[in-house]
Amino acid sequence: MQLLDRARSYLAKCPPAISGAGGHNITFTVAVALTHGFNLSRSDALLLLKEYNLKCTPAWSENELNHKINEAIKT
């Protein structure tokens, strides 16, 4: 299985981020897993975070997703 496919399988098991229910922490944890756990490039991590974002309520903006990836990389 390819790395991106493994990361997608991980994302499928992650709970959706829900505003008011720890959504920021969940999404940040996902961003860290993509950038450090799977060691994806920034662009691949952002691509998958955008896919994960489809199940978040409400969905994060493009700027918020970029910020989460940037902060995850710094961690």
PDB file of N, CA and C in Angstrom:
ATOM      1  N   MET A   1       0.840  -1.178   0.000  1.00  0.00           N
ATOM      2  CA  MET A   1       0.000   0.000   0.000  1.00  0.00           C
ATOM      3  C   MET A   1       0.887   1.243   0.000  1.00  0.00           C
ATOM      4  N   GLN A   2       0.523   2.202  -0.808  1.00  0.00           N
ATOM      5  CA  GLN A   2       1.275   3.450  -0.910  1.00  0.00           C
ATOM      6  C   GLN A   2       1.067   4.314   0.334  1.00  0.00           C
ATOM      7  N   LEU A   3       2.012   5.199   0.578  1.00  0.00           N
ATOM      8  CA  LEU A   3       1.977   6.053   1.755  1.00  0.00           C
ATOM      9  C   LEU A   3       0.699   6.892   1.820  1.00  0.00           C
ATOM     10  N   LEU A   4       0.316   7.513   0.721  1.00  0.00           N
ATOM     11  CA  LEU A   4      -0.905   8.331   0.733  1.00  0.00           C
ATOM     12  C   LEU A   4      -2.137   7.476   1.020  1.00  0.00           C
ATOM     13  N   ASP A   5      -2.158   6.263   0.512  1.00  0.00           N
ATOM     14  CA  ASP A   5      -3.284   5.366   0.789  1.00  0.00           C
ATOM     15  C   ASP A   5      -3.336   5.004   2.274  1.00  0.00           C
ATOM     16  N   ARG A   6      -2.180   4.778   2.879  1.00  0.00           N
ATOM     17  CA  ARG A   6      -2.140   4.479   4.316  1.00  0.00           C
ATOM     18  C   ARG A   6      -2.613   5.679   5.122  1.00  0.00           C
ATOM     19  N   ALA A   7      -2.193   6.861   4.711  1.00  0.00           N
ATOM     20  CA  ALA A   7      -2.625   8.074   5.407  1.00  0.00           C
ATOM     21  C   ALA A   7      -4.130   8.275   5.254  1.00  0.00           C
ATOM     22  N   ARG A   8      -4.657   7.984   4.084  1.00  0.00           N
ATOM     23  CA  ARG A   8      -6.116   8.085   3.877  1.00  0.00           C
ATOM     24  C   ARG A   8      -6.864   7.082   4.752  1.00  0.00           C
ATOM     25  N   SER A   9      -6.320   5.901   4.901  1.00  0.00           N
ATOM     26  CA  SER A   9      -6.944   4.899   5.781  1.00  0.00           C
ATOM     27  C   SER A   9      -6.972   5.399   7.218  1.00  0.00           C
ATOM     28  N   TYR A  10      -5.888   6.041   7.634  1.00  0.00           N
ATOM     29  CA  TYR A  10      -5.846   6.643   8.968  1.00  0.00           C
ATOM     30  C   TYR A  10      -6.938   7.703   9.102  1.00  0.00           C
ATOM     31  N   LEU A  11      -7.040   8.586   8.109  1.00  0.00           N
ATOM     32  CA  LEU A  11      -8.033   9.661   8.158  1.00  0.00           C
ATOM     33  C   LEU A  11      -9.459   9.130   8.216  1.00  0.00           C
ATOM     34  N   ALA A  12      -9.699   8.020   7.554  1.00  0.00           N
ATOM     35  CA  ALA A  12     -11.039   7.436   7.562  1.00  0.00           C
ATOM     36  C   ALA A  12     -11.454   7.019   8.972  1.00  0.00           C
ATOM     37  N   LYS A  13     -10.470   6.730   9.817  1.00  0.00           N
ATOM     38  CA  LYS A  13     -10.747   6.296  11.188  1.00  0.00           C
ATOM     39  C   LYS A  13     -10.776   7.460  12.178  1.00  0.00           C
ATOM     40  N   CYS A  14     -10.352   8.638  11.746  1.00  0.00           N
ATOM     41  CA  CYS A  14     -10.329   9.803  12.623  1.00  0.00           C
ATOM     42  C   CYS A  14     -11.735  10.376  12.761  1.00  0.00           C
ATOM     43  N   PRO A  15     -12.071  10.810  13.983  1.00  0.00           N
ATOM     44  CA  PRO A  15     -13.385  11.432  14.153  1.00  0.00           C
ATOM     45  C   PRO A  15     -13.421  12.777  13.436  1.00  0.00           C
ATOM     46  N   PRO A  16     -14.587  13.206  13.026  1.00  0.00           N
ATOM     47  CA  PRO A  16     -14.682  14.526  12.401  1.00  0.00           C
ATOM     48  C   PRO A  16     -14.461  15.622  13.435  1.00  0.00           C
ATOM     49  N   ALA A  17     -13.934  16.735  12.990  1.00  0.00           N
ATOM     50  CA  ALA A  17     -13.773  17.890  13.864  1.00  0.00           C
ATOM     51  C   ALA A  17     -15.097  18.638  13.895  1.00  0.00           C
ATOM     52  N   ILE A  18     -15.583  18.882  15.107  1.00  0.00           N
ATOM     53  CA  ILE A  18     -16.856  19.567  15.277  1.00  0.00           C
ATOM     54  C   ILE A  18     -16.617  20.814  16.125  1.00  0.00           C
ATOM     55  N   SER A  19     -17.051  21.938  15.619  1.00  0.00           N
ATOM     56  CA  SER A  19     -16.893  23.185  16.345  1.00  0.00           C
ATOM     57  C   SER A  19     -17.558  23.091  17.711  1.00  0.00           C
ATOM     58  N   GLY A  20     -16.828  23.526  18.735  1.00  0.00           N
ATOM     59  CA  GLY A  20     -17.351  23.486  20.089  1.00  0.00           C
ATOM     60  C   GLY A  20     -17.142  22.166  20.801  1.00  0.00           C
ATOM     61  N   ALA A  21     -16.610  21.191  20.092  1.00  0.00           N
ATOM     62  CA  ALA A  21     -16.378  19.862  20.680  1.00  0.00           C
ATOM     63  C   ALA A  21     -14.926  19.434  20.486  1.00  0.00           C
ATOM     64  N   GLY A  22     -14.012  20.382  20.631  1.00  0.00           N
ATOM     65  CA  GLY A  22     -12.588  20.059  20.490  1.00  0.00           C
ATOM     66  C   GLY A  22     -12.125  19.951  19.049  1.00  0.00           C
ATOM     67  N   GLY A  23     -12.857  20.578  18.140  1.00  0.00           N
ATOM     68  CA  GLY A  23     -12.526  20.467  16.717  1.00  0.00           C
ATOM     69  C   GLY A  23     -11.134  20.930  16.355  1.00  0.00           C
ATOM     70  N   HIS A  24     -10.681  22.024  16.991  1.00  0.00           N
ATOM     71  CA  HIS A  24      -9.331  22.512  16.693  1.00  0.00           C
ATOM     72  C   HIS A  24      -8.294  21.459  17.061  1.00  0.00           C
ATOM     73  N   ASN A  25      -8.406  20.907  18.266  1.00  0.00           N
ATOM     74  CA  ASN A  25      -7.418  19.925  18.726  1.00  0.00           C
ATOM     75  C   ASN A  25      -7.414  18.679  17.850  1.00  0.00           C
ATOM     76  N   ILE A  26      -8.588  18.225  17.454  1.00  0.00           N
ATOM     77  CA  ILE A  26      -8.673  17.042  16.592  1.00  0.00           C
ATOM     78  C   ILE A  26      -8.007  17.317  15.254  1.00  0.00           C
ATOM     79  N   THR A  27      -8.312  18.463  14.650  1.00  0.00           N
ATOM     80  CA  THR A  27      -7.745  18.787  13.340  1.00  0.00           C
ATOM     81  C   THR A  27      -6.239  18.985  13.437  1.00  0.00           C
ATOM     82  N   PHE A  28      -5.777  19.617  14.507  1.00  0.00           N
ATOM     83  CA  PHE A  28      -4.336  19.810  14.680  1.00  0.00           C
ATOM     84  C   PHE A  28      -3.637  18.469  14.861  1.00  0.00           C
ATOM     85  N   THR A  29      -4.245  17.574  15.610  1.00  0.00           N
ATOM     86  CA  THR A  29      -3.677  16.234  15.797  1.00  0.00           C
ATOM     87  C   THR A  29      -3.551  15.518  14.457  1.00  0.00           C
ATOM     88  N   VAL A  30      -4.559  15.658  13.614  1.00  0.00           N
ATOM     89  CA  VAL A  30      -4.522  15.062  12.272  1.00  0.00           C
ATOM     90  C   VAL A  30      -3.383  15.680  11.460  1.00  0.00           C
ATOM     91  N   ALA A  31      -3.250  17.002  11.514  1.00  0.00           N
ATOM     92  CA  ALA A  31      -2.183  17.683  10.770  1.00  0.00           C
ATOM     93  C   ALA A  31      -0.801  17.216  11.223  1.00  0.00           C
ATOM     94  N   VAL A  32      -0.628  17.045  12.526  1.00  0.00           N
ATOM     95  CA  VAL A  32       0.655  16.552  13.053  1.00  0.00           C
ATOM     96  C   VAL A  32       0.911  15.118  12.585  1.00  0.00           C
ATOM     97  N   ALA A  33      -0.120  14.296  12.611  1.00  0.00           N
ATOM     98  CA  ALA A  33       0.037  12.911  12.154  1.00  0.00           C
ATOM     99  C   ALA A  33       0.450  12.866  10.681  1.00  0.00           C
ATOM    100  N   LEU A  34      -0.132  13.733   9.874  1.00  0.00           N
ATOM    101  CA  LEU A  34       0.199  13.739   8.445  1.00  0.00           C
ATOM    102  C   LEU A  34       1.622  14.232   8.205  1.00  0.00           C
ATOM    103  N   THR A  35       2.023  15.286   8.922  1.00  0.00           N
ATOM    104  CA  THR A  35       3.344  15.875   8.666  1.00  0.00           C
ATOM    105  C   THR A  35       4.479  15.144   9.362  1.00  0.00           C
ATOM    106  N   HIS A  36       4.209  14.613  10.548  1.00  0.00           N
ATOM    107  CA  HIS A  36       5.278  13.949  11.313  1.00  0.00           C
ATOM    108  C   HIS A  36       5.123  12.433  11.341  1.00  0.00           C
ATOM    109  N   GLY A  37       3.915  11.964  11.594  1.00  0.00           N
ATOM    110  CA  GLY A  37       3.696  10.519  11.661  1.00  0.00           C
ATOM    111  C   GLY A  37       3.891   9.835  10.317  1.00  0.00           C
ATOM    112  N   PHE A  38       3.287  10.424   9.288  1.00  0.00           N
ATOM    113  CA  PHE A  38       3.427   9.867   7.940  1.00  0.00           C
ATOM    114  C   PHE A  38       4.558  10.533   7.168  1.00  0.00           C
ATOM    115  N   ASN A  39       5.101  11.618   7.736  1.00  0.00           N
ATOM    116  CA  ASN A  39       6.215  12.343   7.121  1.00  0.00           C
ATOM    117  C   ASN A  39       5.898  12.782   5.689  1.00  0.00           C
ATOM    118  N   LEU A  40       4.666  13.261   5.507  1.00  0.00           N
ATOM    119  CA  LEU A  40       4.267  13.726   4.178  1.00  0.00           C
ATOM    120  C   LEU A  40       4.829  15.114   3.906  1.00  0.00           C
ATOM    121  N   SER A  41       4.999  15.415   2.656  1.00  0.00           N
ATOM    122  CA  SER A  41       5.392  16.767   2.270  1.00  0.00           C
ATOM    123  C   SER A  41       4.259  17.718   2.645  1.00  0.00           C
ATOM    124  N   ARG A  42       4.568  18.991   2.711  1.00  0.00           N
ATOM    125  CA  ARG A  42       3.549  19.981   3.045  1.00  0.00           C
ATOM    126  C   ARG A  42       2.378  19.886   2.074  1.00  0.00           C
ATOM    127  N   SER A  43       2.673  19.789   0.781  1.00  0.00           N
ATOM    128  CA  SER A  43       1.599  19.757  -0.219  1.00  0.00           C
ATOM    129  C   SER A  43       0.741  18.496  -0.096  1.00  0.00           C
ATOM    130  N   ASP A  44       1.352  17.347   0.135  1.00  0.00           N
ATOM    131  CA  ASP A  44       0.568  16.119   0.293  1.00  0.00           C
ATOM    132  C   ASP A  44      -0.247  16.152   1.587  1.00  0.00           C
ATOM    133  N   ALA A  45       0.354  16.663   2.656  1.00  0.00           N
ATOM    134  CA  ALA A  45      -0.370  16.764   3.923  1.00  0.00           C
ATOM    135  C   ALA A  45      -1.569  17.697   3.785  1.00  0.00           C
ATOM    136  N   LEU A  46      -1.386  18.813   3.106  1.00  0.00           N
ATOM    137  CA  LEU A  46      -2.485  19.751   2.900  1.00  0.00           C
ATOM    138  C   LEU A  46      -3.576  19.126   2.028  1.00  0.00           C
ATOM    139  N   LEU A  47      -3.183  18.417   1.003  1.00  0.00           N
ATOM    140  CA  LEU A  47      -4.152  17.730   0.147  1.00  0.00           C
ATOM    141  C   LEU A  47      -5.030  16.791   0.975  1.00  0.00           C
ATOM    142  N   LEU A  48      -4.413  15.988   1.823  1.00  0.00           N
ATOM    143  CA  LEU A  48      -5.179  15.044   2.634  1.00  0.00           C
ATOM    144  C   LEU A  48      -5.967  15.746   3.734  1.00  0.00           C
ATOM    145  N   LEU A  49      -5.425  16.829   4.280  1.00  0.00           N
ATOM    146  CA  LEU A  49      -6.176  17.574   5.284  1.00  0.00           C
ATOM    147  C   LEU A  49      -7.434  18.183   4.655  1.00  0.00           C
ATOM    148  N   LYS A  50      -7.339  18.599   3.412  1.00  0.00           N
ATOM    149  CA  LYS A  50      -8.521  19.112   2.700  1.00  0.00           C
ATOM    150  C   LYS A  50      -9.554  18.005   2.523  1.00  0.00           C
ATOM    151  N   GLU A  51      -9.111  16.799   2.254  1.00  0.00           N
ATOM    152  CA  GLU A  51     -10.042  15.672   2.138  1.00  0.00           C
ATOM    153  C   GLU A  51     -10.708  15.402   3.494  1.00  0.00           C
ATOM    154  N   TYR A  52      -9.916  15.401   4.549  1.00  0.00           N
ATOM    155  CA  TYR A  52     -10.451  15.204   5.896  1.00  0.00           C
ATOM    156  C   TYR A  52     -11.457  16.302   6.235  1.00  0.00           C
ATOM    157  N   ASN A  53     -11.179  17.509   5.801  1.00  0.00           N
ATOM    158  CA  ASN A  53     -12.012  18.675   6.077  1.00  0.00           C
ATOM    159  C   ASN A  53     -13.454  18.496   5.595  1.00  0.00           C
ATOM    160  N   LEU A  54     -13.672  17.635   4.616  1.00  0.00           N
ATOM    161  CA  LEU A  54     -15.019  17.410   4.078  1.00  0.00           C
ATOM    162  C   LEU A  54     -15.972  16.861   5.133  1.00  0.00           C
ATOM    163  N   LYS A  55     -15.433  16.204   6.148  1.00  0.00           N
ATOM    164  CA  LYS A  55     -16.306  15.648   7.182  1.00  0.00           C
ATOM    165  C   LYS A  55     -16.355  16.502   8.450  1.00  0.00           C
ATOM    166  N   CYS A  56     -15.712  17.667   8.422  1.00  0.00           N
ATOM    167  CA  CYS A  56     -15.698  18.562   9.578  1.00  0.00           C
ATOM    168  C   CYS A  56     -16.917  19.485   9.554  1.00  0.00           C
ATOM    169  N   THR A  57     -17.381  19.866  10.760  1.00  0.00           N
ATOM    170  CA  THR A  57     -18.542  20.739  10.858  1.00  0.00           C
ATOM    171  C   THR A  57     -18.233  21.891  11.795  1.00  0.00           C
ATOM    172  N   PRO A  58     -18.216  23.112  11.300  1.00  0.00           N
ATOM    173  CA  PRO A  58     -18.197  23.478   9.888  1.00  0.00           C
ATOM    174  C   PRO A  58     -16.824  23.198   9.291  1.00  0.00           C
ATOM    175  N   ALA A  59     -16.768  23.210   7.991  1.00  0.00           N
ATOM    176  CA  ALA A  59     -15.481  22.978   7.323  1.00  0.00           C
ATOM    177  C   ALA A  59     -14.545  24.148   7.624  1.00  0.00           C
ATOM    178  N   TRP A  60     -13.248  23.832   7.728  1.00  0.00           N
ATOM    179  CA  TRP A  60     -12.240  24.868   7.937  1.00  0.00           C
ATOM    180  C   TRP A  60     -12.013  25.621   6.624  1.00  0.00           C
ATOM    181  N   SER A  61     -11.626  26.886   6.726  1.00  0.00           N
ATOM    182  CA  SER A  61     -11.298  27.661   5.528  1.00  0.00           C
ATOM    183  C   SER A  61      -9.918  27.236   5.011  1.00  0.00           C
ATOM    184  N   GLU A  62      -9.636  27.624   3.804  1.00  0.00           N
ATOM    185  CA  GLU A  62      -8.320  27.342   3.205  1.00  0.00           C
ATOM    186  C   GLU A  62      -7.197  27.941   4.072  1.00  0.00           C
ATOM    187  N   ASN A  63      -7.401  29.159   4.534  1.00  0.00           N
ATOM    188  CA  ASN A  63      -6.388  29.804   5.387  1.00  0.00           C
ATOM    189  C   ASN A  63      -6.191  29.048   6.692  1.00  0.00           C
ATOM    190  N   GLU A  64      -7.284  28.581   7.291  1.00  0.00           N
ATOM    191  CA  GLU A  64      -7.174  27.826   8.545  1.00  0.00           C
ATOM    192  C   GLU A  64      -6.436  26.512   8.341  1.00  0.00           C
ATOM    193  N   LEU A  65      -6.710  25.838   7.236  1.00  0.00           N
ATOM    194  CA  LEU A  65      -6.014  24.577   6.956  1.00  0.00           C
ATOM    195  C   LEU A  65      -4.525  24.818   6.744  1.00  0.00           C
ATOM    196  N   ASN A  66      -4.191  25.857   6.003  1.00  0.00           N
ATOM    197  CA  ASN A  66      -2.783  26.199   5.793  1.00  0.00           C
ATOM    198  C   ASN A  66      -2.105  26.510   7.121  1.00  0.00           C
ATOM    199  N   HIS A  67      -2.789  27.240   7.979  1.00  0.00           N
ATOM    200  CA  HIS A  67      -2.234  27.576   9.286  1.00  0.00           C
ATOM    201  C   HIS A  67      -1.990  26.311  10.109  1.00  0.00           C
ATOM    202  N   LYS A  68      -2.932  25.384  10.095  1.00  0.00           N
ATOM    203  CA  LYS A  68      -2.786  24.147  10.875  1.00  0.00           C
ATOM    204  C   LYS A  68      -1.604  23.320  10.371  1.00  0.00           C
ATOM    205  N   ILE A  69      -1.443  23.232   9.076  1.00  0.00           N
ATOM    206  CA  ILE A  69      -0.305  22.498   8.513  1.00  0.00           C
ATOM    207  C   ILE A  69       1.001  23.189   8.890  1.00  0.00           C
ATOM    208  N   ASN A  70       1.038  24.506   8.758  1.00  0.00           N
ATOM    209  CA  ASN A  70       2.268  25.254   9.098  1.00  0.00           C
ATOM    210  C   ASN A  70       2.636  25.070  10.567  1.00  0.00           C
ATOM    211  N   GLU A  71       1.643  25.139  11.443  1.00  0.00           N
ATOM    212  CA  GLU A  71       1.912  24.958  12.870  1.00  0.00           C
ATOM    213  C   GLU A  71       2.326  23.515  13.175  1.00  0.00           C
ATOM    214  N   ALA A  72       1.718  22.562  12.493  1.00  0.00           N
ATOM    215  CA  ALA A  72       2.085  21.153  12.694  1.00  0.00           C
ATOM    216  C   ALA A  72       3.535  20.923  12.274  1.00  0.00           C
ATOM    217  N   ILE A  73       3.946  21.503  11.196  1.00  0.00           N
ATOM    218  CA  ILE A  73       5.330  21.349  10.729  1.00  0.00           C
ATOM    219  C   ILE A  73       6.310  21.901  11.749  1.00  0.00           C
ATOM    220  N   LYS A  74       5.944  23.012  12.404  1.00  0.00           N
ATOM    221  CA  LYS A  74       6.803  23.633  13.421  1.00  0.00           C
ATOM    222  C   LYS A  74       6.908  22.798  14.690  1.00  0.00           C
ATOM    223  N   THR A  75       5.904  21.967  14.937  1.00  0.00           N
ATOM    224  CA  THR A  75       5.837  21.193  16.180  1.00  0.00           C
ATOM    225  C   THR A  75       6.926  20.142  16.234  1.00  0.00           C
TER     226      THR A  75
END
